[in-house]
Structure formats: structure tokens, C-alpha cells
Amino acid sequence: MNVSQHDLVIVGGGLAGLTLALQIRDAQPDLSVAVVERAQHPVPEITHKIGESTVELGSWYLANTLGLRDHLDECQLRKFGLRFFFGAEGRSLEQADELGVSDTFSTPTWQIDRGRLENEMVRRAEAQGVTLIGGARVKRIDTQGARQVLFEGPQGEGMLKTRWVIDAASRTSPLKRQLSLARPNTHDVNASWFRVAGQVRVDDWSADPAWGQRTGARPRWLSTNQLMGPGYWVWIIPLASNATSIGIVADPEWHGLDEIRTQAASLAWLERFEPRLFAALEGHEVLDFAFLRHFSHDCKQLFSPDQWALTGEAGVFLDPLYSPGTDFIAISNSFITDLVSRDRAGEDIRVRSRALEAVYRSLYDNTLTIYQGLYGGFGDAHFMALKTTWDYCYYWSLLALLFTQDAMTQLADNAPLRNQLLTGVALNRGLQRRFRAAAKAGVQRPGQGRFFNQQDVPLMGRLNAELNDTLDADALLQRVTKNVARLERLAGHLGDRIENPRAPVSDDEAALIGTFPRLVAA
């Protein structure tokens, strides 16, 4: 048996594991890191994995924290935001209601060909001296006493002895299974998805010049386009490898798993509920298919003072509606990097690991409320115009801002900053309860051709642009405090408008969210 010694071993060489390897080597250049991965690299560019759409926090992590901006600009697609369509019902798309932007916001995001990105990260990791072992099946991970990973590889059995071991092996998650860490959550949703050859371009779904001019010269197909209905949504994500990812995500109270669990069933479901997309798929070769039952999941513990941790889907997963997967990889990897660095410096990390666990748990639990029990409202453009306004503003005000300012780990020991976050968390929970009550009605209105332009919301543009500011510790606390005050005002206005959409618009409300109240009430 081949035995080798490392400072840190990462089980899983996908997005979570490779980004951690790059981040931790940047923080600790002399750290000996090994990555054990079931697949052989290079992987196919069109790799069947969820996580192709990124939003601001995850994009910032890839571009700036990991230094991958050149790859993203040259080899991936710049994203034209999230875009939602309601009530198309097979008609020309200008007859649907549309919620999105007419131009890009300040902070860039990308659509990710996962295989292409992972191959580039492998190249960079190897150049930095990371040991990559491909085609290997992990047989056992020992976390008691000396930590070691036993695996079966192309050359037979091998053993990696290590101080730290990280489970980044997605849903196979050997450490999670061994330590019985799996824990269900209360968000029960299913998904099926597949990729087709070529681009599926929603711009071709209407010949109306006025509809085309809403976004100027920017093509809508570069957005993460989402077709919305009561209890479900469908994604259309373009990939740089000239393929398109299609996914159906559905609450089983509205659409059962059997309706989407096979390729044939999924296509039949699209023909019934989103016939315009079904028609657009004609002539496109289906490249793959997969489904996930009850995909949202939890974990009892993620960070241990005994030199082990879980990251990515090996730990937790929320919901793909707002593409938070890479965000939470970025946060957990940053916490792991902090703990490993402090441990190497001789610090006792028992208290800090518990503090970071509590912070991560709070972020996960609170973000989950954005999705729980809300699928019934997804067919209502009015409801979603209000909800996305809050969800975006909350995200940019706190989570994304704290990350772009490299302040996430400060939440473990910066009480004033943490207290402001907790105030924002309470505001979010309260407003999501009001959204949840409204969503139970399952309203779906026929599309009327309205365009809910999120760039007409002054606060949204300001918050997104402010992610690019550089703030010292005092200025950051002031900014977060200001943002929480903004959110408190916004929550009051939106909460009232959920229940009374035709109420008169106050000057303060108009200053925050511009013409949206009038559009929503129309």
C-alpha cells in the first residue's frame, strides 16, 4: 500500500473541493494539500452537475478571492441577471409578464460550464503543488486519533495520513455517512434536469420589436431565464460550450415526483405546463438527464475542532431558485481556511469552531426561509415582484456585502457586526412569514405583457453598486447599520403592500422602490 503524509486532505475534487484547495493554498502556501476524486481529470466540459448559475457572492469568490476573473471573462458566459416569466401559457413571450433588468447591475455574475471551470482549477491547483489523485474511491475516513483516508485508486490501495480532512464529496459524502451527520430539513422539493445541444434562446420566442427593445442590445438568452408557475419553476441556463441546461423544480404538494422523474415524463410535463419551451426544444439533442428527490438537506455539524469539516453539498443544500450553492461553498470554505490557518498557528480552535458553526447555521436557517412554503406564490408576477425586491435587497445589504468586504469570519468575534446581522435576520423571518401566508393561495394570473424592470428600483441599484466599495472596519459597521435601517423601512412598505397592493404610494416608499408599487398594483 502506498502511504503519504499531508497537512490537509480534501475528499472530492468538484467545485467545493477544488475551490477550497486553491483558497487554502493561497492563504497557506507551504501547506501540503491532497485532493482525492472519484472522476478522472480532465472531465467533459458539459458535466452533469447543478451549480451553473452564479450570483454576486459566489461570483466574487470565484473572480476575486480565487483570482479566476480572467477565466470567467474568457471562457464562461457573463450573465444578464435572473429573469422571470409569468403566464406565457404557450403564447408569444411578449404576452407574458416579465421580471428582470433592462441592463446589467454593477457587480458581474457568470453562467458556469462546470466541467470547463473544474478543469481550469485542476490546472491551477497542480501548478501550485496540490496533489490530485483521480479515479479513486474512498473506502474509509478515520477521524479518531490520527486522521487518515483509505482509498482504492488506479494503482491499488493507498492511504493519506493528514492533520485535517475535509469532506467535499457532494451527496456521496463519506464522512457525513460515517459520523451519522445527515439531517433532513422541512423544505421538501424535487428536481429533474437535462442538457441539450445548442442554445435555446428566449429572444426567438417573440417577433415584437417593442418587446425586444426593452433590453436594448443585450440578449435575454444570456440571463438565467426562469419560467414560473404555481408550485414550480423551470430554469433555462446557457453554457459557453454551446449547450443549454434545462431544469424543473417542483413542490410535490403541487407537482408530484413521478411527473418529472424520467426524461419522458419531464418532457410531457413541459408540454403541459410550459409548451413554449417544449416547442423550442424540438431538434435539440438531449445530452443527459438526472433527477433528485428531496434535494434540500441539512447537516448536524460542519466544522470540528478535531480537524475535520464538510463543505458544499456534502454538508447542506438549500434551493437553486436564487443560485446560492456557490455562495455557501464560498462561506464554508472561508470558515475552513480560517480554522486551518489558526490551528497551524497553534491556536486552540475549539471556541472559534463553535462560533463559526453558529454563524453558518444562522445563515443557512435564515436563507432557507426564503424558499420554505413559498412555491405556491411563484405563478403570481405581482407577488414575485415584491418578493424578489426584498430577497435581492436583503442579500446585497448583508450576506453579499459582508463577503465582498472579507468580513464573514469577523462575525465570530465582532459582536456589533453580528448583532446588526441578527436584526436583519429577524426582519427577513418576519417578512417571509407574510409572504408565506400570501403564497398559500397559489394565485396564477394570465400574462399581460408587463415588464417589471428591477432597475426602476433605486435601492436595488445602490445596494448592488455598493458591493464594490472598499470599507475599513468602522465604515463597514456603519454601512451594515445603514443597510439594516433601509431594510426595516423596506420591510414595512412591502409587508403592507402584500396585503393591500392598491394602497397609495408614500414618498418614502417611492424613494426606496420607485415605480414598482404602482406597477404591482396595476
Protein backbone atom coordinates (compact mmCIF):
# COMPACT_ATOMS: atom_id res chain seq x y z
CA MET A 1 0.00 0.00 0.00
CA ASN A 2 1.23 3.47 -0.91
CA VAL A 3 1.20 5.76 2.16
CA SER A 4 1.81 9.51 2.06
CA GLN A 5 1.62 12.34 4.58
CA HIS A 6 -0.18 15.67 4.04
CA ASP A 7 -1.31 18.64 6.12
CA LEU A 8 -4.80 18.57 4.62
CA VAL A 9 -6.73 16.04 2.52
CA ILE A 10 -9.86 17.03 0.60
CA VAL A 11 -12.21 14.20 -0.36
CA GLY A 12 -13.95 15.34 -3.54
CA GLY A 13 -12.47 17.24 -6.46
CA GLY A 14 -15.54 19.07 -7.73
CA LEU A 15 -16.41 22.73 -7.29
CA ALA A 16 -16.31 22.74 -3.47
CA GLY A 17 -13.11 20.73 -3.13
CA LEU A 18 -11.10 22.45 -5.85
CA THR A 19 -12.05 25.96 -4.75
CA LEU A 20 -11.03 25.07 -1.19
CA ALA A 21 -7.69 23.71 -2.42
CA LEU A 22 -6.97 26.96 -4.26
CA GLN A 23 -8.13 29.18 -1.41
CA ILE A 24 -6.23 27.38 1.31
CA ARG A 25 -3.01 27.19 -0.71
CA ASP A 26 -3.25 30.92 -1.30
CA ALA A 27 -3.64 31.51 2.45
CA GLN A 28 -1.00 28.89 3.43
CA PRO A 29 1.43 28.49 0.51
CA ASP A 30 3.53 25.88 2.32
CA LEU A 31 0.56 23.69 3.26
CA SER A 32 0.70 20.17 1.79
CA VAL A 33 -2.73 19.56 0.21
CA ALA A 34 -4.07 16.43 -1.49
CA VAL A 35 -7.41 16.08 -3.31
CA VAL A 36 -8.97 12.63 -3.80
CA GLU A 37 -11.60 12.49 -6.56
CA ARG A 38 -13.69 9.67 -7.99
CA ALA A 39 -13.57 11.04 -11.56
CA GLN A 40 -10.51 11.30 -13.76
CA HIS A 41 -9.49 14.76 -14.92
CA PRO A 42 -9.93 16.35 -17.31
CA VAL A 43 -13.69 15.88 -17.06
CA PRO A 44 -16.02 16.59 -20.01
CA GLU A 45 -16.77 20.29 -20.40
CA ILE A 46 -20.50 19.65 -20.27
CA THR A 47 -20.52 17.96 -16.88
CA HIS A 48 -23.86 16.99 -15.37
CA LYS A 49 -23.80 19.00 -12.16
CA ILE A 50 -26.13 21.55 -10.62
CA GLY A 51 -24.48 24.91 -9.99
CA GLU A 52 -24.18 26.53 -13.41
CA SER A 53 -25.65 29.91 -12.43
CA THR A 54 -23.82 32.18 -10.01
CA VAL A 55 -24.92 35.28 -8.14
CA GLU A 56 -22.89 38.08 -6.61
CA LEU A 57 -21.32 36.44 -3.56
CA GLY A 58 -20.26 33.27 -5.37
CA SER A 59 -19.11 35.21 -8.42
CA TRP A 60 -17.00 37.49 -6.23
CA TYR A 61 -15.46 34.41 -4.60
CA LEU A 62 -14.50 32.85 -7.93
CA ALA A 63 -13.35 36.07 -9.59
CA ASN A 64 -11.60 37.88 -6.76
CA THR A 65 -10.93 35.58 -3.81
CA LEU A 66 -9.64 32.80 -6.08
CA GLY A 67 -8.32 35.03 -8.89
CA LEU A 68 -10.35 33.33 -11.64
CA ARG A 69 -11.66 36.53 -13.24
CA ASP A 70 -9.62 36.02 -16.43
CA HIS A 71 -11.01 32.52 -16.91
CA LEU A 72 -14.58 33.67 -16.26
CA ASP A 73 -14.31 36.52 -18.74
CA GLU A 74 -12.61 34.50 -21.46
CA CYS A 75 -14.13 31.01 -21.10
CA GLN A 76 -17.55 31.41 -19.45
CA LEU A 77 -20.65 33.50 -20.22
CA ARG A 78 -21.32 36.82 -18.49
CA LYS A 79 -24.80 36.54 -17.04
CA PHE A 80 -27.57 39.03 -17.75
CA GLY A 81 -29.15 38.60 -14.32
CA LEU A 82 -32.04 36.44 -13.19
CA ARG A 83 -35.15 36.85 -15.35
CA PHE A 84 -38.63 35.54 -14.57
CA PHE A 85 -41.58 35.00 -16.92
CA PHE A 86 -45.18 34.52 -15.77
CA GLY A 87 -48.31 33.44 -17.61
CA ALA A 88 -46.86 32.74 -21.04
CA GLU A 89 -49.10 29.66 -21.40
CA GLY A 90 -47.66 28.79 -24.79
CA ARG A 91 -48.19 32.23 -26.30
CA SER A 92 -45.64 34.60 -27.82
CA LEU A 93 -43.40 35.77 -24.99
CA GLU A 94 -44.30 39.47 -25.17
CA GLN A 95 -47.70 38.43 -23.81
CA ALA A 96 -46.14 37.10 -20.60
CA ASP A 97 -45.28 39.26 -17.61
CA GLU A 98 -41.53 39.71 -17.29
CA LEU A 99 -39.50 40.45 -14.16
CA GLY A 100 -35.83 41.29 -14.64
CA VAL A 101 -33.44 44.03 -15.66
CA SER A 102 -33.08 46.15 -18.78
CA ASP A 103 -29.30 46.35 -18.30
CA THR A 104 -26.75 44.62 -16.07
CA PHE A 105 -26.22 45.68 -12.47
CA SER A 106 -22.76 46.84 -11.41
CA THR A 107 -21.44 43.60 -9.90
CA PRO A 108 -20.76 40.90 -12.53
CA THR A 109 -22.05 37.33 -12.41
CA TRP A 110 -21.50 34.39 -14.77
CA GLN A 111 -23.09 31.23 -16.17
CA ILE A 112 -20.67 28.39 -15.47
CA ASP A 113 -19.76 25.37 -17.59
CA ARG A 114 -18.84 23.26 -14.58
CA GLY A 115 -16.53 20.85 -16.40
CA ARG A 116 -14.65 23.69 -18.07
CA LEU A 117 -14.22 25.53 -14.76
CA GLU A 118 -13.14 22.44 -12.84
CA ASN A 119 -10.53 21.54 -15.46
CA GLU A 120 -9.08 25.04 -15.17
CA MET A 121 -8.99 24.81 -11.38
CA VAL A 122 -7.22 21.44 -11.60
CA ARG A 123 -4.59 23.02 -13.84
CA ARG A 124 -4.05 25.88 -11.39
CA ALA A 125 -4.07 23.62 -8.32
CA GLU A 126 -1.43 21.33 -9.80
CA ALA A 127 0.67 24.36 -10.73
CA GLN A 128 0.52 25.38 -7.05
CA GLY A 129 1.72 21.97 -5.89
CA VAL A 130 -1.60 20.40 -4.87
CA THR A 131 -1.55 16.60 -5.17
CA LEU A 132 -4.54 15.37 -7.21
CA ILE A 133 -5.49 11.69 -7.11
CA GLY A 134 -8.15 10.91 -9.72
CA GLY A 135 -10.12 7.75 -10.37
CA ALA A 136 -10.08 6.99 -6.64
CA ARG A 137 -12.85 5.56 -4.46
CA VAL A 138 -12.65 6.47 -0.78
CA LYS A 139 -13.17 3.41 1.40
CA ARG A 140 -12.79 4.86 4.89
CA ILE A 141 -12.02 8.13 6.65
CA ASP A 142 -10.56 7.90 10.15
CA THR A 143 -11.15 10.95 12.36
CA GLN A 144 -10.31 9.46 15.76
CA GLY A 145 -6.67 9.76 16.74
CA ALA A 146 -4.52 10.02 13.62
CA ARG A 147 -6.66 11.20 10.70
CA GLN A 148 -6.25 9.19 7.54
CA VAL A 149 -8.07 8.46 4.29
CA LEU A 150 -8.01 4.96 2.82
CA PHE A 151 -8.80 4.79 -0.90
CA GLU A 152 -8.75 2.47 -3.89
CA GLY A 153 -7.15 4.06 -6.93
CA PRO A 154 -5.82 3.12 -10.36
CA GLN A 155 -2.65 1.85 -8.71
CA GLY A 156 -4.42 -0.11 -5.96
CA GLU A 157 -4.96 0.79 -2.34
CA GLY A 158 -3.46 3.91 -0.88
CA MET A 159 -3.53 5.77 2.41
CA LEU A 160 -3.23 9.50 3.04
CA LYS A 161 -2.24 10.49 6.57
CA THR A 162 -3.21 14.03 7.44
CA ARG A 163 -3.82 16.56 10.19
CA TRP A 164 -7.03 17.86 8.55
CA VAL A 165 -9.59 16.02 6.44
CA ILE A 166 -12.38 17.81 4.55
CA ASP A 167 -15.41 16.08 3.04
CA ALA A 168 -16.27 17.90 -0.20
CA ALA A 169 -17.66 14.82 -1.94
CA SER A 170 -21.12 16.26 -2.63
CA ARG A 171 -24.05 13.94 -1.92
CA THR A 172 -21.91 10.81 -1.65
CA SER A 173 -20.37 12.43 1.46
CA PRO A 174 -18.49 9.53 3.11
CA LEU A 175 -17.67 11.43 6.30
CA LYS A 176 -21.28 12.52 6.71
CA ARG A 177 -22.37 8.89 6.46
CA GLN A 178 -19.68 7.56 8.78
CA LEU A 179 -20.44 10.10 11.51
CA SER A 180 -24.24 9.96 11.00
CA LEU A 181 -24.40 13.71 10.43
CA ALA A 182 -27.26 13.76 7.90
CA ARG A 183 -30.30 15.70 8.97
CA PRO A 184 -33.43 16.41 6.90
CA ASN A 185 -35.00 19.84 6.76
CA THR A 186 -38.57 20.97 6.27
CA HIS A 187 -38.17 22.16 2.67
CA ASP A 188 -39.44 19.28 0.53
CA VAL A 189 -38.83 19.94 -3.17
CA ASN A 190 -37.84 17.72 -6.13
CA ALA A 191 -35.98 18.49 -9.35
CA SER A 192 -35.14 16.99 -12.73
CA TRP A 193 -32.72 18.50 -15.21
CA PHE A 194 -31.04 17.82 -18.51
CA ARG A 195 -28.82 19.49 -21.05
CA VAL A 196 -29.46 19.89 -24.74
CA ALA A 197 -27.01 20.63 -27.55
CA GLY A 198 -27.13 24.19 -28.84
CA GLN A 199 -28.58 27.37 -27.40
CA VAL A 200 -32.26 27.70 -26.51
CA ARG A 201 -32.80 31.43 -26.98
CA VAL A 202 -35.88 33.02 -25.46
CA ASP A 203 -35.24 36.06 -27.67
CA ASP A 204 -36.62 33.98 -30.56
CA TRP A 205 -39.93 33.44 -28.75
CA SER A 206 -41.30 36.81 -29.84
CA ALA A 207 -41.11 38.87 -33.02
CA ASP A 208 -42.44 42.03 -31.33
CA PRO A 209 -39.86 44.85 -31.83
CA ALA A 210 -41.02 46.73 -28.74
CA TRP A 211 -40.50 43.65 -26.57
CA GLY A 212 -37.01 43.20 -28.00
CA GLN A 213 -36.10 46.82 -27.30
CA ARG A 214 -36.84 46.52 -23.57
CA THR A 215 -33.28 45.25 -23.03
CA GLY A 216 -31.57 47.28 -25.75
CA ALA A 217 -28.81 45.34 -27.46
CA ARG A 218 -28.48 42.81 -24.63
CA PRO A 219 -29.91 39.36 -25.47
CA ARG A 220 -32.20 37.82 -22.89
CA TRP A 221 -30.84 34.31 -23.52
CA LEU A 222 -27.74 35.27 -21.51
CA SER A 223 -29.93 35.59 -18.42
CA THR A 224 -30.77 32.72 -16.15
CA ASN A 225 -34.32 32.60 -17.53
CA GLN A 226 -36.95 31.11 -15.25
CA LEU A 227 -40.49 30.18 -16.25
CA MET A 228 -42.74 30.45 -13.21
CA GLY A 229 -45.98 28.79 -12.19
CA PRO A 230 -47.86 27.77 -9.02
CA GLY A 231 -45.69 25.27 -7.17
CA TYR A 232 -42.87 25.17 -9.75
CA TRP A 233 -40.25 26.97 -11.76
CA VAL A 234 -38.16 25.97 -14.78
CA TRP A 235 -34.63 27.17 -15.46
CA ILE A 236 -33.01 27.82 -18.85
CA ILE A 237 -29.25 28.40 -18.47
CA PRO A 238 -26.92 28.92 -21.46
CA LEU A 239 -23.45 27.39 -21.35
CA ALA A 240 -20.31 28.53 -23.15
CA SER A 241 -19.80 25.05 -24.61
CA ASN A 242 -22.84 25.66 -26.86
CA ALA A 243 -25.27 23.72 -24.70
CA THR A 244 -28.28 24.71 -22.61
CA SER A 245 -29.22 23.45 -19.17
CA ILE A 246 -32.94 22.91 -18.54
CA GLY A 247 -34.32 22.14 -15.09
CA ILE A 248 -37.72 21.63 -13.48
CA VAL A 249 -38.02 22.33 -9.75
CA ALA A 250 -41.36 21.50 -8.14
CA ASP A 251 -43.03 21.32 -4.75
CA PRO A 252 -44.59 17.81 -4.52
CA GLU A 253 -47.74 19.29 -2.99
CA TRP A 254 -48.35 20.83 -6.41
CA HIS A 255 -46.47 18.55 -8.83
CA GLY A 256 -45.54 15.02 -7.80
CA LEU A 257 -42.13 13.46 -8.31
CA ASP A 258 -43.49 10.87 -10.74
CA GLU A 259 -44.46 13.71 -13.08
CA ILE A 260 -40.79 14.62 -13.64
CA ARG A 261 -38.62 11.67 -12.55
CA THR A 262 -37.84 10.43 -16.08
CA GLN A 263 -36.81 12.24 -19.25
CA ALA A 264 -40.04 11.26 -21.00
CA ALA A 265 -42.15 12.37 -18.02
CA SER A 266 -40.30 15.69 -17.78
CA LEU A 267 -40.82 16.45 -21.46
CA ALA A 268 -44.51 15.55 -21.15
CA TRP A 269 -44.74 17.84 -18.13
CA LEU A 270 -43.15 20.69 -20.09
CA GLU A 271 -45.57 20.12 -22.95
CA ARG A 272 -48.43 20.57 -20.50
CA PHE A 273 -47.20 23.42 -18.30
CA GLU A 274 -44.59 25.27 -20.40
CA PRO A 275 -45.50 24.43 -24.02
CA ARG A 276 -43.47 27.31 -25.44
CA LEU A 277 -40.27 25.82 -24.05
CA PHE A 278 -41.32 22.33 -25.11
CA ALA A 279 -41.75 23.55 -28.69
CA ALA A 280 -38.37 25.32 -28.58
CA LEU A 281 -36.63 22.05 -27.65
CA GLU A 282 -37.61 20.39 -30.92
CA GLY A 283 -34.48 19.49 -32.86
CA HIS A 284 -32.14 19.82 -29.85
CA GLU A 285 -30.35 16.62 -28.87
CA VAL A 286 -30.79 15.72 -25.19
CA LEU A 287 -27.29 15.08 -23.81
CA ASP A 288 -28.10 13.74 -20.34
CA PHE A 289 -30.81 13.53 -17.68
CA ALA A 290 -30.97 13.29 -13.89
CA PHE A 291 -33.41 13.89 -11.07
CA LEU A 292 -33.14 14.50 -7.33
CA ARG A 293 -35.76 13.63 -4.74
CA HIS A 294 -35.95 15.90 -1.67
CA PHE A 295 -32.80 17.71 -2.76
CA SER A 296 -32.70 20.24 0.09
CA HIS A 297 -30.85 18.79 3.07
CA ASP A 298 -29.16 19.69 6.34
CA CYS A 299 -26.25 18.52 8.48
CA LYS A 300 -25.76 18.21 12.24
CA GLN A 301 -22.22 19.60 12.23
CA LEU A 302 -19.91 21.13 9.63
CA PHE A 303 -16.75 22.33 11.44
CA SER A 304 -14.99 20.33 14.14
CA PRO A 305 -12.10 21.33 16.43
CA ASP A 306 -10.91 17.75 15.84
CA GLN A 307 -9.56 18.82 12.42
CA TRP A 308 -12.39 17.73 10.14
CA ALA A 309 -15.06 19.66 8.25
CA LEU A 310 -17.65 19.39 5.48
CA THR A 311 -18.22 21.83 2.64
CA GLY A 312 -20.52 22.17 -0.37
CA GLU A 313 -23.34 19.68 -0.85
CA ALA A 314 -21.55 17.22 1.41
CA GLY A 315 -22.86 19.46 4.18
CA VAL A 316 -26.03 21.36 3.31
CA PHE A 317 -28.05 22.42 0.29
CA LEU A 318 -30.84 24.99 0.11
CA ASP A 319 -32.71 25.52 -3.17
CA PRO A 320 -31.45 26.57 -6.62
CA LEU A 321 -34.02 29.36 -7.20
CA TYR A 322 -31.56 32.18 -6.43
CA SER A 323 -28.44 30.09 -7.20
CA PRO A 324 -26.99 30.11 -3.64
CA GLY A 325 -24.88 26.94 -3.99
CA THR A 326 -21.58 28.63 -4.81
CA ASP A 327 -22.32 31.30 -2.19
CA PHE A 328 -22.46 28.76 0.61
CA ILE A 329 -19.39 26.96 -0.72
CA ALA A 330 -17.58 30.31 -0.55
CA ILE A 331 -18.67 30.87 3.05
CA SER A 332 -17.89 27.37 4.33
CA ASN A 333 -14.52 27.30 2.53
CA SER A 334 -13.62 30.66 4.05
CA PHE A 335 -14.51 29.37 7.52
CA ILE A 336 -12.46 26.21 6.96
CA THR A 337 -9.49 28.25 5.72
CA ASP A 338 -9.73 30.41 8.84
CA LEU A 339 -9.82 27.39 11.17
CA VAL A 340 -6.95 25.56 9.44
CA SER A 341 -4.80 28.71 9.45
CA ARG A 342 -5.41 29.35 13.16
CA ASP A 343 -4.82 25.70 14.02
CA ARG A 344 -1.48 25.76 12.16
CA ALA A 345 -0.51 28.87 14.13
CA GLY A 346 -1.03 26.93 17.37
CA GLU A 347 -4.35 28.48 18.38
CA ASP A 348 -6.91 26.43 20.28
CA ILE A 349 -9.84 26.48 17.82
CA ARG A 350 -12.49 24.84 19.99
CA VAL A 351 -14.35 28.06 20.78
CA ARG A 352 -13.89 29.52 17.30
CA SER A 353 -15.13 26.40 15.52
CA ARG A 354 -18.33 26.53 17.59
CA ALA A 355 -18.75 30.24 16.86
CA LEU A 356 -18.32 29.77 13.10
CA GLU A 357 -20.69 26.79 13.20
CA ALA A 358 -23.30 29.01 14.88
CA VAL A 359 -22.82 31.75 12.27
CA TYR A 360 -23.10 29.31 9.37
CA ARG A 361 -26.15 27.68 10.92
CA SER A 362 -27.83 31.07 11.29
CA LEU A 363 -27.09 31.98 7.66
CA TYR A 364 -28.37 28.63 6.40
CA ASP A 365 -31.54 28.54 8.51
CA ASN A 366 -32.43 32.12 7.68
CA THR A 367 -31.80 31.72 3.95
CA LEU A 368 -33.97 28.60 3.94
CA THR A 369 -36.96 30.73 4.99
CA ILE A 370 -36.75 32.47 1.60
CA TYR A 371 -37.94 29.22 -0.04
CA GLN A 372 -39.97 27.30 2.56
CA GLY A 373 -43.69 27.19 1.84
CA LEU A 374 -43.43 29.85 -0.86
CA TYR A 375 -43.69 27.85 -4.08
CA GLY A 376 -47.44 28.46 -4.19
CA GLY A 377 -46.79 32.12 -4.99
CA PHE A 378 -44.40 31.53 -7.87
CA GLY A 379 -47.09 31.86 -10.54
CA ASP A 380 -48.03 35.39 -9.46
CA ALA A 381 -45.94 38.16 -11.05
CA HIS A 382 -47.27 40.69 -8.52
CA PHE A 383 -46.25 38.52 -5.58
CA MET A 384 -42.81 37.76 -7.04
CA ALA A 385 -42.11 41.40 -7.90
CA LEU A 386 -42.49 42.21 -4.22
CA LYS A 387 -40.68 39.11 -3.00
CA THR A 388 -37.65 39.45 -5.30
CA THR A 389 -37.31 43.11 -4.34
CA TRP A 390 -36.95 42.08 -0.71
CA ASP A 391 -34.85 38.97 -1.33
CA TYR A 392 -32.32 40.81 -3.52
CA CYS A 393 -32.09 43.82 -1.18
CA TYR A 394 -31.68 41.63 1.89
CA TYR A 395 -28.97 39.56 0.18
CA TRP A 396 -26.97 42.55 -1.11
CA SER A 397 -27.37 44.51 2.14
CA LEU A 398 -25.88 41.82 4.37
CA LEU A 399 -24.60 38.47 3.08
CA ALA A 400 -23.04 39.66 -0.17
CA LEU A 401 -21.67 42.86 1.35
CA LEU A 402 -20.04 41.05 4.28
CA PHE A 403 -18.36 38.65 1.87
CA THR A 404 -17.10 41.24 -0.62
CA GLN A 405 -15.61 43.12 2.33
CA ASP A 406 -13.87 39.91 3.52
CA ALA A 407 -15.76 40.18 6.80
CA MET A 408 -17.64 36.87 7.09
CA THR A 409 -15.21 35.37 9.57
CA GLN A 410 -15.43 38.56 11.68
CA LEU A 411 -18.96 37.55 12.64
CA ALA A 412 -17.48 35.01 15.05
CA ASP A 413 -15.96 37.68 17.31
CA ASN A 414 -17.34 41.07 16.21
CA ALA A 415 -20.44 41.45 18.38
CA PRO A 416 -21.68 44.81 16.95
CA LEU A 417 -21.49 43.48 13.39
CA ARG A 418 -23.11 40.18 14.37
CA ASN A 419 -25.91 41.99 16.20
CA GLN A 420 -26.74 44.05 13.11
CA LEU A 421 -26.88 40.83 11.08
CA LEU A 422 -29.22 39.27 13.64
CA THR A 423 -31.51 42.30 13.39
CA GLY A 424 -31.62 41.81 9.63
CA VAL A 425 -32.29 38.09 10.12
CA ALA A 426 -35.30 38.91 12.30
CA LEU A 427 -36.64 41.33 9.67
CA ASN A 428 -36.31 38.65 6.98
CA ARG A 429 -38.05 35.99 9.04
CA GLY A 430 -40.94 38.32 9.78
CA LEU A 431 -41.48 39.36 6.17
CA GLN A 432 -41.12 35.82 4.82
CA ARG A 433 -43.94 34.77 7.16
CA ARG A 434 -46.16 37.36 5.48
CA PHE A 435 -45.08 36.21 2.02
CA ARG A 436 -45.75 32.60 3.07
CA ALA A 437 -49.30 33.41 4.12
CA ALA A 438 -49.94 35.07 0.76
CA ALA A 439 -48.35 32.18 -1.18
CA LYS A 440 -50.85 29.63 0.17
CA ALA A 441 -53.47 30.96 -2.25
CA GLY A 442 -51.47 29.69 -5.24
CA VAL A 443 -52.54 32.59 -7.44
CA GLN A 444 -51.75 32.48 -11.16
CA ARG A 445 -52.75 35.41 -13.37
CA PRO A 446 -52.67 35.36 -17.18
CA GLY A 447 -49.72 37.28 -18.56
CA GLN A 448 -50.49 40.84 -19.64
CA GLY A 449 -47.18 41.80 -21.22
CA ARG A 450 -45.96 43.91 -18.31
CA PHE A 451 -42.25 44.47 -17.70
CA PHE A 452 -41.26 44.77 -14.06
CA ASN A 453 -37.83 46.38 -14.52
CA GLN A 454 -35.80 45.91 -11.37
CA GLN A 455 -33.56 48.79 -12.40
CA ASP A 456 -36.51 51.07 -11.71
CA VAL A 457 -35.98 50.27 -8.01
CA PRO A 458 -33.46 52.87 -6.77
CA LEU A 459 -32.46 50.90 -3.67
CA MET A 460 -31.58 47.78 -5.66
CA GLY A 461 -29.16 49.63 -7.92
CA ARG A 462 -27.48 51.36 -4.96
CA LEU A 463 -27.04 48.18 -2.92
CA ASN A 464 -25.60 46.23 -5.85
CA ALA A 465 -23.13 49.01 -6.73
CA GLU A 466 -22.04 49.34 -3.10
CA LEU A 467 -20.75 45.76 -3.12
CA ASN A 468 -17.72 47.12 -4.98
CA ASP A 469 -16.81 49.70 -2.31
CA THR A 470 -13.71 49.18 -0.16
CA LEU A 471 -14.53 49.77 3.51
CA ASP A 472 -12.44 49.64 6.66
CA ALA A 473 -13.88 48.01 9.78
CA ASP A 474 -15.57 51.15 11.11
CA ALA A 475 -17.00 52.12 7.73
CA LEU A 476 -18.30 48.56 7.24
CA LEU A 477 -20.16 48.61 10.55
CA GLN A 478 -21.65 51.98 9.61
CA ARG A 479 -22.69 50.65 6.19
CA VAL A 480 -24.27 47.49 7.62
CA THR A 481 -26.11 49.56 10.24
CA LYS A 482 -27.39 51.87 7.49
CA ASN A 483 -28.46 48.87 5.40
CA VAL A 484 -30.39 47.34 8.29
CA ALA A 485 -32.25 50.64 8.70
CA ARG A 486 -33.00 50.59 4.96
CA LEU A 487 -34.28 47.03 5.25
CA GLU A 488 -36.50 47.95 8.18
CA ARG A 489 -38.19 50.65 6.13
CA LEU A 490 -38.42 48.37 3.09
CA ALA A 491 -39.95 45.53 5.13
CA GLY A 492 -42.63 47.86 6.43
CA HIS A 493 -43.61 49.06 2.97
CA LEU A 494 -43.54 45.63 1.31
CA GLY A 495 -45.38 43.95 4.17
CA ASP A 496 -48.21 46.45 3.89
CA ARG A 497 -48.29 46.10 0.10
CA ILE A 498 -48.56 42.30 0.25
CA GLU A 499 -51.89 42.73 1.98
CA ASN A 500 -53.04 45.94 0.26
CA PRO A 501 -51.39 46.27 -3.18
CA ARG A 502 -53.54 49.26 -4.17
CA ALA A 503 -52.64 51.42 -1.18
CA PRO A 504 -51.34 54.93 -2.04
CA VAL A 505 -47.57 55.12 -2.51
CA SER A 506 -45.80 57.25 0.08
CA ASP A 507 -42.84 59.48 -0.79
CA ASP A 508 -40.57 57.32 1.37
CA GLU A 509 -41.69 54.15 -0.38
CA ALA A 510 -41.17 55.71 -3.81
CA ALA A 511 -37.64 56.76 -2.81
CA LEU A 512 -36.83 53.15 -1.97
CA ILE A 513 -38.59 51.18 -4.68
CA GLY A 514 -39.55 53.74 -7.28
CA THR A 515 -42.39 52.85 -9.64
CA PHE A 516 -42.68 49.22 -8.55
CA PRO A 517 -45.64 49.76 -6.20
CA ARG A 518 -47.68 51.33 -8.99
CA LEU A 519 -46.78 48.53 -11.41
CA VAL A 520 -47.62 45.86 -8.89
CA ALA A 521 -50.98 47.43 -8.09
CA ALA A 522 -51.91 47.96 -11.75
